[in-house]
Amino acid sequence: MEQLSTVLAVVLIVACWATAVADFRRAPQIVATMERLGVPLRMLPLLGAVKVAGGLGLLLGQWNDTLRAAASLCLAVYFAGATAAHLRRKDAVQHVAPAGVLLVCSAVVFAVSL
């Protein structure tokens, strides 16, 4: 189970940092998604920073279980909010799935970190 948690943590780190770059650059796909969800574009730098911090917490958490648990819990809350935002707007499955999958990954990493 520890190996699965490590693999999921790496997936989360890559996903968080890649999407954070897209947030900071205001990638057209991200801008379109935020507009569809009703999220003000001024929030993009904050959302990107949260993802960078979560990824960094997971990376450093490879050597500290408490930090790993805290980072994965924070990311689970973040992705729960993202999933809820997509569901509230009745987005298609292909728009909801990425946030939902990352929510599950975060929750598994958290559970194994306890």
N, C-alpha and C. Protein backbone atom coordinates (compact mmCIF):
# COMPACT_ATOMS: atom_id res chain seq x y z
N MET A 1 0.82 -1.19 0.00
CA MET A 1 0.00 0.00 0.00
C MET A 1 0.87 1.26 0.00
N GLU A 2 2.01 1.17 0.63
CA GLU A 2 2.92 2.33 0.67
C GLU A 2 3.41 2.69 -0.73
N GLN A 3 3.68 1.68 -1.56
CA GLN A 3 4.12 1.95 -2.93
C GLN A 3 3.02 2.64 -3.73
N LEU A 4 1.78 2.19 -3.56
CA LEU A 4 0.66 2.82 -4.23
C LEU A 4 0.55 4.28 -3.82
N SER A 5 0.70 4.55 -2.53
CA SER A 5 0.63 5.91 -2.03
C SER A 5 1.73 6.78 -2.63
N THR A 6 2.92 6.23 -2.76
CA THR A 6 4.03 6.99 -3.35
C THR A 6 3.77 7.29 -4.82
N VAL A 7 3.27 6.31 -5.55
CA VAL A 7 2.95 6.53 -6.97
C VAL A 7 1.86 7.59 -7.10
N LEU A 8 0.82 7.49 -6.28
CA LEU A 8 -0.26 8.48 -6.32
C LEU A 8 0.24 9.86 -5.94
N ALA A 9 1.16 9.93 -4.98
CA ALA A 9 1.73 11.22 -4.58
C ALA A 9 2.49 11.84 -5.75
N VAL A 10 3.24 11.04 -6.47
CA VAL A 10 3.98 11.55 -7.64
C VAL A 10 3.00 12.03 -8.71
N VAL A 11 1.94 11.27 -8.94
CA VAL A 11 0.91 11.69 -9.90
C VAL A 11 0.33 13.04 -9.48
N LEU A 12 0.03 13.18 -8.21
CA LEU A 12 -0.53 14.43 -7.69
C LEU A 12 0.45 15.60 -7.84
N ILE A 13 1.71 15.35 -7.52
CA ILE A 13 2.72 16.41 -7.65
C ILE A 13 2.79 16.90 -9.09
N VAL A 14 2.89 15.97 -10.03
CA VAL A 14 2.98 16.34 -11.45
C VAL A 14 1.72 17.07 -11.89
N ALA A 15 0.56 16.54 -11.53
CA ALA A 15 -0.71 17.17 -11.93
C ALA A 15 -0.84 18.57 -11.33
N CYS A 16 -0.51 18.70 -10.06
CA CYS A 16 -0.63 20.00 -9.40
C CYS A 16 0.31 21.02 -10.04
N TRP A 17 1.55 20.64 -10.25
CA TRP A 17 2.52 21.60 -10.78
C TRP A 17 2.23 21.93 -12.24
N ALA A 18 1.80 20.96 -13.01
CA ALA A 18 1.48 21.23 -14.42
C ALA A 18 0.28 22.17 -14.53
N THR A 19 -0.74 21.92 -13.74
CA THR A 19 -1.92 22.79 -13.81
C THR A 19 -1.65 24.14 -13.16
N ALA A 20 -0.74 24.19 -12.20
CA ALA A 20 -0.37 25.49 -11.61
C ALA A 20 0.29 26.36 -12.67
N VAL A 21 1.17 25.77 -13.47
CA VAL A 21 1.81 26.53 -14.56
C VAL A 21 0.73 27.05 -15.51
N ALA A 22 -0.23 26.21 -15.83
CA ALA A 22 -1.33 26.64 -16.71
C ALA A 22 -2.14 27.77 -16.07
N ASP A 23 -2.34 27.69 -14.75
CA ASP A 23 -3.03 28.78 -14.04
C ASP A 23 -2.24 30.08 -14.14
N PHE A 24 -0.95 30.01 -13.86
CA PHE A 24 -0.11 31.22 -13.88
C PHE A 24 -0.02 31.82 -15.28
N ARG A 25 -0.02 30.97 -16.29
CA ARG A 25 0.07 31.44 -17.68
C ARG A 25 -1.28 31.81 -18.27
N ARG A 26 -2.35 31.54 -17.50
CA ARG A 26 -3.71 31.78 -17.98
C ARG A 26 -3.95 31.07 -19.32
N ALA A 27 -3.66 29.80 -19.31
CA ALA A 27 -3.85 28.98 -20.51
C ALA A 27 -5.32 29.08 -20.95
N PRO A 28 -5.56 29.15 -22.25
CA PRO A 28 -6.94 29.32 -22.74
C PRO A 28 -7.92 28.28 -22.20
N GLN A 29 -7.50 27.03 -22.09
CA GLN A 29 -8.40 26.00 -21.57
C GLN A 29 -8.76 26.27 -20.11
N ILE A 30 -7.79 26.73 -19.33
CA ILE A 30 -8.05 27.04 -17.91
C ILE A 30 -8.98 28.24 -17.81
N VAL A 31 -8.72 29.27 -18.62
CA VAL A 31 -9.57 30.47 -18.60
C VAL A 31 -11.01 30.09 -18.97
N ALA A 32 -11.17 29.27 -19.99
CA ALA A 32 -12.52 28.85 -20.40
C ALA A 32 -13.21 28.08 -19.28
N THR A 33 -12.48 27.20 -18.61
CA THR A 33 -13.06 26.42 -17.52
C THR A 33 -13.48 27.33 -16.37
N MET A 34 -12.60 28.26 -15.99
CA MET A 34 -12.93 29.16 -14.88
C MET A 34 -14.14 30.03 -15.22
N GLU A 35 -14.21 30.49 -16.44
CA GLU A 35 -15.38 31.29 -16.85
C GLU A 35 -16.65 30.45 -16.80
N ARG A 36 -16.57 29.21 -17.26
CA ARG A 36 -17.73 28.32 -17.24
C ARG A 36 -18.19 28.05 -15.81
N LEU A 37 -17.22 27.95 -14.90
CA LEU A 37 -17.54 27.65 -13.50
C LEU A 37 -17.89 28.89 -12.69
N GLY A 38 -17.67 30.05 -13.28
CA GLY A 38 -17.96 31.29 -12.57
C GLY A 38 -16.89 31.69 -11.58
N VAL A 39 -15.67 31.20 -11.77
CA VAL A 39 -14.55 31.56 -10.90
C VAL A 39 -13.88 32.80 -11.48
N PRO A 40 -13.74 33.86 -10.68
CA PRO A 40 -13.08 35.07 -11.19
C PRO A 40 -11.63 34.78 -11.61
N LEU A 41 -11.23 35.32 -12.73
CA LEU A 41 -9.88 35.06 -13.24
C LEU A 41 -8.80 35.59 -12.30
N ARG A 42 -9.13 36.56 -11.46
CA ARG A 42 -8.14 37.08 -10.51
C ARG A 42 -7.74 36.01 -9.48
N MET A 43 -8.53 34.93 -9.40
CA MET A 43 -8.24 33.83 -8.46
C MET A 43 -7.18 32.86 -9.00
N LEU A 44 -6.88 32.92 -10.30
CA LEU A 44 -5.95 31.95 -10.89
C LEU A 44 -4.59 31.92 -10.19
N PRO A 45 -3.96 33.06 -9.90
CA PRO A 45 -2.67 32.96 -9.20
C PRO A 45 -2.78 32.28 -7.82
N LEU A 46 -3.86 32.54 -7.11
CA LEU A 46 -4.06 31.90 -5.81
C LEU A 46 -4.25 30.39 -5.97
N LEU A 47 -5.07 30.00 -6.94
CA LEU A 47 -5.29 28.56 -7.17
C LEU A 47 -3.99 27.88 -7.58
N GLY A 48 -3.20 28.55 -8.42
CA GLY A 48 -1.90 28.01 -8.81
C GLY A 48 -0.98 27.87 -7.61
N ALA A 49 -0.96 28.87 -6.75
CA ALA A 49 -0.10 28.83 -5.56
C ALA A 49 -0.50 27.70 -4.62
N VAL A 50 -1.80 27.47 -4.49
CA VAL A 50 -2.27 26.37 -3.63
C VAL A 50 -1.76 25.03 -4.18
N LYS A 51 -1.82 24.87 -5.50
CA LYS A 51 -1.36 23.62 -6.11
C LYS A 51 0.17 23.46 -5.99
N VAL A 52 0.90 24.54 -6.14
CA VAL A 52 2.36 24.47 -5.96
C VAL A 52 2.67 24.06 -4.52
N ALA A 53 2.00 24.69 -3.56
CA ALA A 53 2.24 24.38 -2.15
C ALA A 53 1.86 22.93 -1.83
N GLY A 54 0.74 22.47 -2.37
CA GLY A 54 0.33 21.08 -2.14
C GLY A 54 1.33 20.09 -2.71
N GLY A 55 1.79 20.36 -3.92
CA GLY A 55 2.80 19.49 -4.52
C GLY A 55 4.10 19.50 -3.74
N LEU A 56 4.51 20.67 -3.29
CA LEU A 56 5.73 20.77 -2.49
C LEU A 56 5.58 20.02 -1.16
N GLY A 57 4.39 20.16 -0.55
CA GLY A 57 4.13 19.43 0.69
C GLY A 57 4.20 17.92 0.49
N LEU A 58 3.69 17.45 -0.63
CA LEU A 58 3.76 16.01 -0.92
C LEU A 58 5.20 15.57 -1.19
N LEU A 59 5.94 16.41 -1.90
CA LEU A 59 7.34 16.06 -2.19
C LEU A 59 8.14 15.97 -0.90
N LEU A 60 8.06 16.99 -0.07
CA LEU A 60 8.78 16.97 1.21
C LEU A 60 8.20 15.93 2.16
N GLY A 61 6.92 15.62 1.96
CA GLY A 61 6.25 14.63 2.79
C GLY A 61 6.73 13.20 2.55
N GLN A 62 7.53 13.00 1.51
CA GLN A 62 8.10 11.67 1.30
C GLN A 62 9.02 11.29 2.47
N TRP A 63 9.50 12.30 3.20
CA TRP A 63 10.38 12.07 4.35
C TRP A 63 9.72 12.45 5.67
N ASN A 64 8.45 12.88 5.63
CA ASN A 64 7.77 13.32 6.84
C ASN A 64 6.29 12.97 6.70
N ASP A 65 5.85 11.94 7.42
CA ASP A 65 4.47 11.47 7.28
C ASP A 65 3.44 12.52 7.68
N THR A 66 3.75 13.33 8.68
CA THR A 66 2.81 14.36 9.12
C THR A 66 2.59 15.39 8.02
N LEU A 67 3.66 15.82 7.39
CA LEU A 67 3.56 16.79 6.30
C LEU A 67 2.82 16.16 5.11
N ARG A 68 3.12 14.92 4.83
CA ARG A 68 2.45 14.22 3.73
C ARG A 68 0.95 14.13 3.98
N ALA A 69 0.57 13.81 5.21
CA ALA A 69 -0.85 13.72 5.55
C ALA A 69 -1.51 15.09 5.43
N ALA A 70 -0.86 16.12 5.94
CA ALA A 70 -1.43 17.47 5.88
C ALA A 70 -1.59 17.94 4.44
N ALA A 71 -0.57 17.74 3.63
CA ALA A 71 -0.62 18.18 2.23
C ALA A 71 -1.70 17.42 1.47
N SER A 72 -1.77 16.12 1.66
CA SER A 72 -2.78 15.34 0.93
C SER A 72 -4.19 15.68 1.40
N LEU A 73 -4.36 15.97 2.68
CA LEU A 73 -5.68 16.39 3.17
C LEU A 73 -6.07 17.73 2.56
N CYS A 74 -5.16 18.67 2.53
CA CYS A 74 -5.44 19.98 1.93
C CYS A 74 -5.78 19.84 0.45
N LEU A 75 -5.04 18.99 -0.25
CA LEU A 75 -5.35 18.77 -1.67
C LEU A 75 -6.69 18.07 -1.84
N ALA A 76 -7.03 17.17 -0.94
CA ALA A 76 -8.34 16.50 -1.02
C ALA A 76 -9.46 17.53 -0.86
N VAL A 77 -9.29 18.46 0.06
CA VAL A 77 -10.29 19.53 0.24
C VAL A 77 -10.36 20.39 -1.02
N TYR A 78 -9.20 20.75 -1.57
CA TYR A 78 -9.14 21.56 -2.79
C TYR A 78 -9.88 20.85 -3.94
N PHE A 79 -9.55 19.59 -4.16
CA PHE A 79 -10.16 18.86 -5.28
C PHE A 79 -11.62 18.52 -5.02
N ALA A 80 -12.02 18.41 -3.75
CA ALA A 80 -13.44 18.24 -3.44
C ALA A 80 -14.19 19.50 -3.86
N GLY A 81 -13.61 20.67 -3.58
CA GLY A 81 -14.23 21.92 -4.02
C GLY A 81 -14.30 22.03 -5.53
N ALA A 82 -13.23 21.62 -6.20
CA ALA A 82 -13.21 21.66 -7.67
C ALA A 82 -14.27 20.70 -8.24
N THR A 83 -14.35 19.51 -7.68
CA THR A 83 -15.34 18.54 -8.14
C THR A 83 -16.75 19.08 -7.91
N ALA A 84 -16.98 19.66 -6.75
CA ALA A 84 -18.29 20.23 -6.44
C ALA A 84 -18.65 21.36 -7.40
N ALA A 85 -17.67 22.20 -7.73
CA ALA A 85 -17.92 23.30 -8.67
C ALA A 85 -18.34 22.77 -10.03
N HIS A 86 -17.67 21.72 -10.50
CA HIS A 86 -18.04 21.12 -11.79
C HIS A 86 -19.44 20.49 -11.72
N LEU A 87 -19.72 19.79 -10.63
CA LEU A 87 -21.03 19.14 -10.49
C LEU A 87 -22.15 20.18 -10.37
N ARG A 88 -21.88 21.27 -9.66
CA ARG A 88 -22.88 22.32 -9.49
C ARG A 88 -23.27 22.92 -10.84
N ARG A 89 -22.30 23.03 -11.75
CA ARG A 89 -22.55 23.57 -13.09
C ARG A 89 -23.03 22.48 -14.06
N LYS A 90 -23.19 21.28 -13.54
CA LYS A 90 -23.64 20.14 -14.35
C LYS A 90 -22.74 19.93 -15.57
N ASP A 91 -21.43 20.01 -15.31
CA ASP A 91 -20.45 19.78 -16.36
C ASP A 91 -20.52 18.34 -16.85
N ALA A 92 -20.05 18.14 -18.05
CA ALA A 92 -19.96 16.79 -18.62
C ALA A 92 -18.92 15.98 -17.85
N VAL A 93 -19.05 14.69 -17.92
CA VAL A 93 -18.17 13.78 -17.18
C VAL A 93 -16.69 14.07 -17.47
N GLN A 94 -16.36 14.36 -18.72
CA GLN A 94 -14.95 14.59 -19.05
C GLN A 94 -14.38 15.84 -18.37
N HIS A 95 -15.24 16.74 -17.90
CA HIS A 95 -14.77 17.91 -17.17
C HIS A 95 -14.72 17.64 -15.66
N VAL A 96 -15.60 16.80 -15.19
CA VAL A 96 -15.65 16.48 -13.75
C VAL A 96 -14.58 15.45 -13.38
N ALA A 97 -14.31 14.52 -14.27
CA ALA A 97 -13.44 13.37 -13.97
C ALA A 97 -12.04 13.76 -13.48
N PRO A 98 -11.34 14.71 -14.11
CA PRO A 98 -9.98 15.00 -13.62
C PRO A 98 -9.97 15.43 -12.14
N ALA A 99 -10.86 16.33 -11.78
CA ALA A 99 -10.91 16.77 -10.38
C ALA A 99 -11.32 15.61 -9.46
N GLY A 100 -12.26 14.80 -9.92
CA GLY A 100 -12.70 13.66 -9.11
C GLY A 100 -11.61 12.62 -8.92
N VAL A 101 -10.86 12.35 -9.96
CA VAL A 101 -9.76 11.38 -9.86
C VAL A 101 -8.68 11.91 -8.92
N LEU A 102 -8.36 13.20 -9.03
CA LEU A 102 -7.33 13.77 -8.15
C LEU A 102 -7.83 13.84 -6.70
N LEU A 103 -9.12 14.00 -6.51
CA LEU A 103 -9.70 13.93 -5.16
C LEU A 103 -9.49 12.54 -4.57
N VAL A 104 -9.78 11.51 -5.34
CA VAL A 104 -9.60 10.13 -4.87
C VAL A 104 -8.12 9.86 -4.58
N CYS A 105 -7.25 10.28 -5.47
CA CYS A 105 -5.81 10.10 -5.25
C CYS A 105 -5.37 10.76 -3.95
N SER A 106 -5.82 11.99 -3.74
CA SER A 106 -5.45 12.72 -2.52
C SER A 106 -5.96 12.00 -1.27
N ALA A 107 -7.19 11.52 -1.35
CA ALA A 107 -7.78 10.82 -0.21
C ALA A 107 -7.03 9.53 0.11
N VAL A 108 -6.61 8.81 -0.92
CA VAL A 108 -5.86 7.57 -0.68
C VAL A 108 -4.51 7.88 -0.05
N VAL A 109 -3.82 8.89 -0.58
CA VAL A 109 -2.52 9.27 0.00
C VAL A 109 -2.71 9.67 1.46
N PHE A 110 -3.75 10.43 1.74
CA PHE A 110 -4.03 10.83 3.12
C PHE A 110 -4.27 9.61 4.01
N ALA A 111 -5.12 8.71 3.55
CA ALA A 111 -5.47 7.53 4.36
C ALA A 111 -4.23 6.68 4.66
N VAL A 112 -3.36 6.52 3.69
CA VAL A 112 -2.16 5.70 3.90
C VAL A 112 -1.15 6.44 4.78
N SER A 113 -1.21 7.75 4.80
CA SER A 113 -0.25 8.54 5.57
C SER A 113 -0.53 8.56 7.07
N LEU A 114 -1.73 8.13 7.45
CA LEU A 114 -2.10 8.16 8.88
C LEU A 114 -1.37 7.12 9.68
